[in-house]
């Protein structure tokens, strides 16, 4: 296999990204991920009041843009206590 073919194959690898969020941010992240066409699995977070979202993607950079937008919106919204 040529190097260019190896690089192309590596680009098409399905990766699993883990995103840990405060639980109050879930509706914001759900909306952003759904609008971008991502499915996710939700699990308990690493600490109290957090969640772990697991997203499968072939394009980590594109997912990063979605996560950044969701996190920016959450920061502007503030904690819903």
PDB file of N, CA and C in Angstrom:
ATOM      1  N   UNK A   1       0.844  -1.167   0.000  1.00  0.00           N
ATOM      2  CA  UNK A   1       0.000   0.000   0.000  1.00  0.00           C
ATOM      3  C   UNK A   1       0.897   1.241   0.000  1.00  0.00           C
ATOM      4  N   UNK A   2       0.575   2.201  -0.851  1.00  0.00           N
ATOM      5  CA  UNK A   2       1.337   3.437  -0.925  1.00  0.00           C
ATOM      6  C   UNK A   2       1.034   4.332   0.272  1.00  0.00           C
ATOM      7  N   UNK A   3       1.952   5.243   0.556  1.00  0.00           N
ATOM      8  CA  UNK A   3       1.777   6.156   1.684  1.00  0.00           C
ATOM      9  C   UNK A   3       0.500   6.974   1.538  1.00  0.00           C
ATOM     10  N   UNK A   4       0.193   7.431   0.334  1.00  0.00           N
ATOM     11  CA  UNK A   4      -1.018   8.238   0.135  1.00  0.00           C
ATOM     12  C   UNK A   4      -2.277   7.418   0.440  1.00  0.00           C
ATOM     13  N   UNK A   5      -2.263   6.133   0.102  1.00  0.00           N
ATOM     14  CA  UNK A   5      -3.401   5.273   0.404  1.00  0.00           C
ATOM     15  C   UNK A   5      -3.511   5.034   1.907  1.00  0.00           C
ATOM     16  N   UNK A   6      -2.385   4.885   2.574  1.00  0.00           N
ATOM     17  CA  UNK A   6      -2.377   4.691   4.020  1.00  0.00           C
ATOM     18  C   UNK A   6      -2.926   5.924   4.726  1.00  0.00           C
ATOM     19  N   UNK A   7      -2.509   7.103   4.277  1.00  0.00           N
ATOM     20  CA  UNK A   7      -3.000   8.346   4.878  1.00  0.00           C
ATOM     21  C   UNK A   7      -4.496   8.508   4.649  1.00  0.00           C
ATOM     22  N   UNK A   8      -4.962   8.168   3.455  1.00  0.00           N
ATOM     23  CA  UNK A   8      -6.392   8.275   3.161  1.00  0.00           C
ATOM     24  C   UNK A   8      -7.190   7.311   4.028  1.00  0.00           C
ATOM     25  N   UNK A   9      -6.690   6.109   4.220  1.00  0.00           N
ATOM     26  CA  UNK A   9      -7.366   5.131   5.068  1.00  0.00           C
ATOM     27  C   UNK A   9      -7.408   5.619   6.516  1.00  0.00           C
ATOM     28  N   UNK A  10      -6.335   6.249   6.969  1.00  0.00           N
ATOM     29  CA  UNK A  10      -6.289   6.757   8.343  1.00  0.00           C
ATOM     30  C   UNK A  10      -7.311   7.869   8.546  1.00  0.00           C
ATOM     31  N   UNK A  11      -7.590   8.654   7.521  1.00  0.00           N
ATOM     32  CA  UNK A  11      -8.565   9.735   7.622  1.00  0.00           C
ATOM     33  C   UNK A  11      -9.984   9.197   7.789  1.00  0.00           C
ATOM     34  N   UNK A  12     -10.231   7.988   7.342  1.00  0.00           N
ATOM     35  CA  UNK A  12     -11.569   7.417   7.385  1.00  0.00           C
ATOM     36  C   UNK A  12     -11.781   6.487   8.575  1.00  0.00           C
ATOM     37  N   UNK A  13     -10.937   6.593   9.564  1.00  0.00           N
ATOM     38  CA  UNK A  13     -11.056   5.759  10.757  1.00  0.00           C
ATOM     39  C   UNK A  13     -12.125   6.357  11.664  1.00  0.00           C
ATOM     40  N   UNK A  14     -12.990   5.518  12.163  1.00  0.00           N
ATOM     41  CA  UNK A  14     -14.021   5.956  13.088  1.00  0.00           C
ATOM     42  C   UNK A  14     -13.418   6.053  14.476  1.00  0.00           C
ATOM     43  N   UNK A  15     -13.469   7.246  15.040  1.00  0.00           N
ATOM     44  CA  UNK A  15     -12.906   7.497  16.357  1.00  0.00           C
ATOM     45  C   UNK A  15     -14.021   7.707  17.365  1.00  0.00           C
ATOM     46  N   UNK A  16     -13.706   7.486  18.605  1.00  0.00           N
ATOM     47  CA  UNK A  16     -14.666   7.722  19.680  1.00  0.00           C
ATOM     48  C   UNK A  16     -14.124   8.866  20.530  1.00  0.00           C
ATOM     49  N   UNK A  17     -14.905   9.941  20.610  1.00  0.00           N
ATOM     50  CA  UNK A  17     -14.517  11.093  21.414  1.00  0.00           C
ATOM     51  C   UNK A  17     -15.328  11.114  22.694  1.00  0.00           C
ATOM     52  N   UNK A  18     -14.684  11.430  23.794  1.00  0.00           N
ATOM     53  CA  UNK A  18     -15.347  11.544  25.091  1.00  0.00           C
ATOM     54  C   UNK A  18     -15.409  13.013  25.473  1.00  0.00           C
ATOM     55  N   UNK A  19     -16.607  13.472  25.817  1.00  0.00           N
ATOM     56  CA  UNK A  19     -16.824  14.864  26.193  1.00  0.00           C
ATOM     57  C   UNK A  19     -17.448  14.862  27.589  1.00  0.00           C
ATOM     58  N   UNK A  20     -16.782  15.479  28.545  1.00  0.00           N
ATOM     59  CA  UNK A  20     -17.313  15.568  29.900  1.00  0.00           C
ATOM     60  C   UNK A  20     -17.881  16.970  30.087  1.00  0.00           C
ATOM     61  N   UNK A  21     -19.146  17.031  30.497  1.00  0.00           N
ATOM     62  CA  UNK A  21     -19.818  18.322  30.665  1.00  0.00           C
ATOM     63  C   UNK A  21     -20.523  18.383  32.020  1.00  0.00           C
ATOM     64  N   UNK A  22     -20.779  19.599  32.472  1.00  0.00           N
ATOM     65  CA  UNK A  22     -21.662  19.771  33.627  1.00  0.00           C
ATOM     66  C   UNK A  22     -23.054  19.346  33.196  1.00  0.00           C
ATOM     67  N   UNK A  23     -23.796  18.703  34.089  1.00  0.00           N
ATOM     68  CA  UNK A  23     -25.091  18.143  33.694  1.00  0.00           C
ATOM     69  C   UNK A  23     -26.084  19.198  33.196  1.00  0.00           C
ATOM     70  N   UNK A  24     -26.010  20.434  33.677  1.00  0.00           N
ATOM     71  CA  UNK A  24     -26.949  21.461  33.223  1.00  0.00           C
ATOM     72  C   UNK A  24     -26.715  21.876  31.766  1.00  0.00           C
ATOM     73  N   UNK A  25     -25.553  21.542  31.219  1.00  0.00           N
ATOM     74  CA  UNK A  25     -25.235  21.891  29.830  1.00  0.00           C
ATOM     75  C   UNK A  25     -25.824  20.894  28.828  1.00  0.00           C
ATOM     76  N   UNK A  26     -26.389  19.789  29.311  1.00  0.00           N
ATOM     77  CA  UNK A  26     -26.851  18.728  28.413  1.00  0.00           C
ATOM     78  C   UNK A  26     -27.804  19.215  27.327  1.00  0.00           C
ATOM     79  N   UNK A  27     -28.846  19.995  27.617  1.00  0.00           N
ATOM     80  CA  UNK A  27     -29.751  20.424  26.539  1.00  0.00           C
ATOM     81  C   UNK A  27     -29.034  21.212  25.438  1.00  0.00           C
ATOM     82  N   UNK A  28     -28.055  22.010  25.812  1.00  0.00           N
ATOM     83  CA  UNK A  28     -27.299  22.792  24.823  1.00  0.00           C
ATOM     84  C   UNK A  28     -26.473  21.863  23.947  1.00  0.00           C
ATOM     85  N   UNK A  29     -25.766  20.924  24.567  1.00  0.00           N
ATOM     86  CA  UNK A  29     -24.936  19.990  23.804  1.00  0.00           C
ATOM     87  C   UNK A  29     -25.801  19.068  22.956  1.00  0.00           C
ATOM     88  N   UNK A  30     -26.940  18.620  23.488  1.00  0.00           N
ATOM     89  CA  UNK A  30     -27.844  17.774  22.707  1.00  0.00           C
ATOM     90  C   UNK A  30     -28.262  18.491  21.425  1.00  0.00           C
ATOM     91  N   UNK A  31     -28.645  19.742  21.558  1.00  0.00           N
ATOM     92  CA  UNK A  31     -29.109  20.501  20.396  1.00  0.00           C
ATOM     93  C   UNK A  31     -27.991  20.687  19.365  1.00  0.00           C
ATOM     94  N   UNK A  32     -26.821  21.088  19.815  1.00  0.00           N
ATOM     95  CA  UNK A  32     -25.705  21.312  18.892  1.00  0.00           C
ATOM     96  C   UNK A  32     -25.283  20.014  18.196  1.00  0.00           C
ATOM     97  N   UNK A  33     -25.176  18.942  18.956  1.00  0.00           N
ATOM     98  CA  UNK A  33     -24.776  17.666  18.361  1.00  0.00           C
ATOM     99  C   UNK A  33     -25.819  17.165  17.368  1.00  0.00           C
ATOM    100  N   UNK A  34     -27.103  17.276  17.719  1.00  0.00           N
ATOM    101  CA  UNK A  34     -28.178  16.820  16.823  1.00  0.00           C
ATOM    102  C   UNK A  34     -28.206  17.651  15.547  1.00  0.00           C
ATOM    103  N   UNK A  35     -28.064  18.962  15.670  1.00  0.00           N
ATOM    104  CA  UNK A  35     -28.084  19.826  14.488  1.00  0.00           C
ATOM    105  C   UNK A  35     -26.923  19.525  13.546  1.00  0.00           C
ATOM    106  N   UNK A  36     -25.809  19.067  14.110  1.00  0.00           N
ATOM    107  CA  UNK A  36     -24.644  18.728  13.285  1.00  0.00           C
ATOM    108  C   UNK A  36     -24.690  17.277  12.800  1.00  0.00           C
ATOM    109  N   UNK A  37     -25.723  16.526  13.210  1.00  0.00           N
ATOM    110  CA  UNK A  37     -25.883  15.152  12.737  1.00  0.00           C
ATOM    111  C   UNK A  37     -25.146  14.103  13.540  1.00  0.00           C
ATOM    112  N   UNK A  38     -24.722  14.444  14.737  1.00  0.00           N
ATOM    113  CA  UNK A  38     -24.010  13.482  15.576  1.00  0.00           C
ATOM    114  C   UNK A  38     -24.970  12.749  16.507  1.00  0.00           C
ATOM    115  N   UNK A  39     -24.725  11.470  16.672  1.00  0.00           N
ATOM    116  CA  UNK A  39     -25.399  10.676  17.691  1.00  0.00           C
ATOM    117  C   UNK A  39     -24.405  10.522  18.838  1.00  0.00           C
ATOM    118  N   UNK A  40     -24.909  10.333  20.032  1.00  0.00           N
ATOM    119  CA  UNK A  40     -24.018  10.195  21.177  1.00  0.00           C
ATOM    120  C   UNK A  40     -24.628   9.236  22.196  1.00  0.00           C
ATOM    121  N   UNK A  41     -23.770   8.751  23.058  1.00  0.00           N
ATOM    122  CA  UNK A  41     -24.205   7.950  24.196  1.00  0.00           C
ATOM    123  C   UNK A  41     -23.914   8.758  25.445  1.00  0.00           C
ATOM    124  N   UNK A  42     -24.818   8.711  26.408  1.00  0.00           N
ATOM    125  CA  UNK A  42     -24.675   9.480  27.645  1.00  0.00           C
ATOM    126  C   UNK A  42     -24.409   8.530  28.793  1.00  0.00           C
ATOM    127  N   UNK A  43     -23.448   8.894  29.621  1.00  0.00           N
ATOM    128  CA  UNK A  43     -23.134   8.101  30.799  1.00  0.00           C
ATOM    129  C   UNK A  43     -22.791   9.008  31.965  1.00  0.00           C
ATOM    130  N   UNK A  44     -22.546   8.412  33.109  1.00  0.00           N
ATOM    131  CA  UNK A  44     -22.189   9.218  34.279  1.00  0.00           C
ATOM    132  C   UNK A  44     -20.833   9.889  34.069  1.00  0.00           C
ATOM    133  N   UNK A  45     -20.709  11.074  34.631  1.00  0.00           N
ATOM    134  CA  UNK A  45     -19.455  11.811  34.515  1.00  0.00           C
ATOM    135  C   UNK A  45     -18.414  11.325  35.508  1.00  0.00           C
ATOM    136  N   UNK A  46     -17.318  12.046  35.538  1.00  0.00           N
ATOM    137  CA  UNK A  46     -16.205  11.666  36.396  1.00  0.00           C
ATOM    138  C   UNK A  46     -16.390  12.172  37.826  1.00  0.00           C
ATOM    139  N   UNK A  47     -17.174  13.232  37.980  1.00  0.00           N
ATOM    140  CA  UNK A  47     -17.442  13.799  39.298  1.00  0.00           C
ATOM    141  C   UNK A  47     -18.940  14.069  39.407  1.00  0.00           C
ATOM    142  N   UNK A  48     -19.369  14.480  40.579  1.00  0.00           N
ATOM    143  CA  UNK A  48     -20.786  14.781  40.798  1.00  0.00           C
ATOM    144  C   UNK A  48     -21.251  15.878  39.848  1.00  0.00           C
ATOM    145  N   UNK A  49     -22.476  15.763  39.392  1.00  0.00           N
ATOM    146  CA  UNK A  49     -23.117  16.755  38.522  1.00  0.00           C
ATOM    147  C   UNK A  49     -22.445  16.910  37.162  1.00  0.00           C
ATOM    148  N   UNK A  50     -21.802  15.844  36.690  1.00  0.00           N
ATOM    149  CA  UNK A  50     -21.224  15.858  35.351  1.00  0.00           C
ATOM    150  C   UNK A  50     -21.727  14.651  34.567  1.00  0.00           C
ATOM    151  N   UNK A  51     -21.621  14.742  33.262  1.00  0.00           N
ATOM    152  CA  UNK A  51     -22.017  13.663  32.355  1.00  0.00           C
ATOM    153  C   UNK A  51     -20.889  13.399  31.375  1.00  0.00           C
ATOM    154  N   UNK A  52     -20.839  12.180  30.888  1.00  0.00           N
ATOM    155  CA  UNK A  52     -19.878  11.797  29.861  1.00  0.00           C
ATOM    156  C   UNK A  52     -20.661  11.510  28.583  1.00  0.00           C
ATOM    157  N   UNK A  53     -20.381  12.282  27.551  1.00  0.00           N
ATOM    158  CA  UNK A  53     -20.980  12.045  26.237  1.00  0.00           C
ATOM    159  C   UNK A  53     -19.934  11.393  25.359  1.00  0.00           C
ATOM    160  N   UNK A  54     -20.290  10.283  24.737  1.00  0.00           N
ATOM    161  CA  UNK A  54     -19.385   9.577  23.836  1.00  0.00           C
ATOM    162  C   UNK A  54     -19.923   9.727  22.420  1.00  0.00           C
ATOM    163  N   UNK A  55     -19.087  10.267  21.539  1.00  0.00           N
ATOM    164  CA  UNK A  55     -19.492  10.557  20.166  1.00  0.00           C
ATOM    165  C   UNK A  55     -18.545   9.842  19.210  1.00  0.00           C
ATOM    166  N   UNK A  56     -19.099   9.116  18.251  1.00  0.00           N
ATOM    167  CA  UNK A  56     -18.277   8.487  17.216  1.00  0.00           C
ATOM    168  C   UNK A  56     -18.193   9.434  16.027  1.00  0.00           C
ATOM    169  N   UNK A  57     -16.979   9.601  15.501  1.00  0.00           N
ATOM    170  CA  UNK A  57     -16.769  10.524  14.395  1.00  0.00           C
ATOM    171  C   UNK A  57     -15.564  10.103  13.566  1.00  0.00           C
ATOM    172  N   UNK A  58     -15.582  10.506  12.331  1.00  0.00           N
ATOM    173  CA  UNK A  58     -14.417  10.349  11.453  1.00  0.00           C
ATOM    174  C   UNK A  58     -13.651  11.660  11.356  1.00  0.00           C
ATOM    175  N   UNK A  59     -14.245  12.736  11.852  1.00  0.00           N
ATOM    176  CA  UNK A  59     -13.649  14.061  11.712  1.00  0.00           C
ATOM    177  C   UNK A  59     -13.632  14.759  13.071  1.00  0.00           C
ATOM    178  N   UNK A  60     -12.541  14.587  13.784  1.00  0.00           N
ATOM    179  CA  UNK A  60     -12.416  15.160  15.120  1.00  0.00           C
ATOM    180  C   UNK A  60     -12.431  16.683  15.066  1.00  0.00           C
ATOM    181  N   UNK A  61     -11.845  17.253  14.027  1.00  0.00           N
ATOM    182  CA  UNK A  61     -11.811  18.711  13.909  1.00  0.00           C
ATOM    183  C   UNK A  61     -13.219  19.280  13.791  1.00  0.00           C
ATOM    184  N   UNK A  62     -14.066  18.669  12.979  1.00  0.00           N
ATOM    185  CA  UNK A  62     -15.443  19.140  12.813  1.00  0.00           C
ATOM    186  C   UNK A  62     -16.222  18.991  14.117  1.00  0.00           C
ATOM    187  N   UNK A  63     -16.021  17.880  14.809  1.00  0.00           N
ATOM    188  CA  UNK A  63     -16.674  17.694  16.100  1.00  0.00           C
ATOM    189  C   UNK A  63     -16.195  18.759  17.083  1.00  0.00           C
ATOM    190  N   UNK A  64     -14.924  19.092  17.024  1.00  0.00           N
ATOM    191  CA  UNK A  64     -14.377  20.118  17.904  1.00  0.00           C
ATOM    192  C   UNK A  64     -15.055  21.463  17.719  1.00  0.00           C
ATOM    193  N   UNK A  65     -15.402  21.788  16.483  1.00  0.00           N
ATOM    194  CA  UNK A  65     -16.104  23.040  16.197  1.00  0.00           C
ATOM    195  C   UNK A  65     -17.483  23.023  16.860  1.00  0.00           C
ATOM    196  N   UNK A  66     -18.166  21.905  16.771  1.00  0.00           N
ATOM    197  CA  UNK A  66     -19.497  21.768  17.374  1.00  0.00           C
ATOM    198  C   UNK A  66     -19.407  21.872  18.899  1.00  0.00           C
ATOM    199  N   UNK A  67     -18.432  21.192  19.484  1.00  0.00           N
ATOM    200  CA  UNK A  67     -18.253  21.219  20.935  1.00  0.00           C
ATOM    201  C   UNK A  67     -17.914  22.634  21.401  1.00  0.00           C
ATOM    202  N   UNK A  68     -17.057  23.307  20.662  1.00  0.00           N
ATOM    203  CA  UNK A  68     -16.682  24.677  21.031  1.00  0.00           C
ATOM    204  C   UNK A  68     -17.898  25.597  20.990  1.00  0.00           C
ATOM    205  N   UNK A  69     -18.728  25.461  19.962  1.00  0.00           N
ATOM    206  CA  UNK A  69     -19.933  26.296  19.850  1.00  0.00           C
ATOM    207  C   UNK A  69     -20.892  26.025  21.007  1.00  0.00           C
ATOM    208  N   UNK A  70     -21.071  24.759  21.349  1.00  0.00           N
ATOM    209  CA  UNK A  70     -21.959  24.408  22.455  1.00  0.00           C
ATOM    210  C   UNK A  70     -21.412  24.943  23.774  1.00  0.00           C
ATOM    211  N   UNK A  71     -20.118  24.805  23.964  1.00  0.00           N
ATOM    212  CA  UNK A  71     -19.510  25.271  25.206  1.00  0.00           C
ATOM    213  C   UNK A  71     -19.568  26.798  25.310  1.00  0.00           C
ATOM    214  N   UNK A  72     -19.393  27.491  24.193  1.00  0.00           N
ATOM    215  CA  UNK A  72     -19.488  28.952  24.183  1.00  0.00           C
ATOM    216  C   UNK A  72     -20.898  29.392  24.546  1.00  0.00           C
ATOM    217  N   UNK A  73     -21.905  28.730  23.961  1.00  0.00           N
ATOM    218  CA  UNK A  73     -23.292  29.057  24.296  1.00  0.00           C
ATOM    219  C   UNK A  73     -23.552  28.803  25.785  1.00  0.00           C
ATOM    220  N   UNK A  74     -23.059  27.691  26.291  1.00  0.00           N
ATOM    221  CA  UNK A  74     -23.252  27.371  27.706  1.00  0.00           C
ATOM    222  C   UNK A  74     -22.579  28.424  28.592  1.00  0.00           C
ATOM    223  N   UNK A  75     -21.399  28.868  28.223  1.00  0.00           N
ATOM    224  CA  UNK A  75     -20.699  29.887  28.997  1.00  0.00           C
ATOM    225  C   UNK A  75     -21.480  31.197  29.010  1.00  0.00           C
ATOM    226  N   UNK A  76     -22.109  31.531  27.896  1.00  0.00           N
ATOM    227  CA  UNK A  76     -22.889  32.764  27.814  1.00  0.00           C
ATOM    228  C   UNK A  76     -24.197  32.635  28.594  1.00  0.00           C
ATOM    229  N   UNK A  77     -24.712  31.410  28.678  1.00  0.00           N
ATOM    230  CA  UNK A  77     -25.969  31.151  29.384  1.00  0.00           C
ATOM    231  C   UNK A  77     -25.751  31.147  30.889  1.00  0.00           C
ATOM    232  N   UNK A  78     -24.668  30.509  31.319  1.00  0.00           N
ATOM    233  CA  UNK A  78     -24.373  30.386  32.748  1.00  0.00           C
ATOM    234  C   UNK A  78     -25.114  29.219  33.360  1.00  0.00           C
ATOM    235  N   UNK A  79     -24.682  28.827  34.531  1.00  0.00           N
ATOM    236  CA  UNK A  79     -25.284  27.686  35.232  1.00  0.00           C
ATOM    237  C   UNK A  79     -26.739  27.976  35.562  1.00  0.00           C
ATOM    238  N   UNK A  80     -27.576  27.003  35.314  1.00  0.00           N
ATOM    239  CA  UNK A  80     -29.010  27.110  35.613  1.00  0.00           C
ATOM    240  C   UNK A  80     -29.279  26.474  36.954  1.00  0.00           C
ATOM    241  N   UNK A  81     -29.151  27.239  37.987  1.00  0.00           N
ATOM    242  CA  UNK A  81     -29.329  26.688  39.340  1.00  0.00           C
ATOM    243  C   UNK A  81     -30.727  26.886  39.835  1.00  0.00           C
TER     244      UNK A  81
END
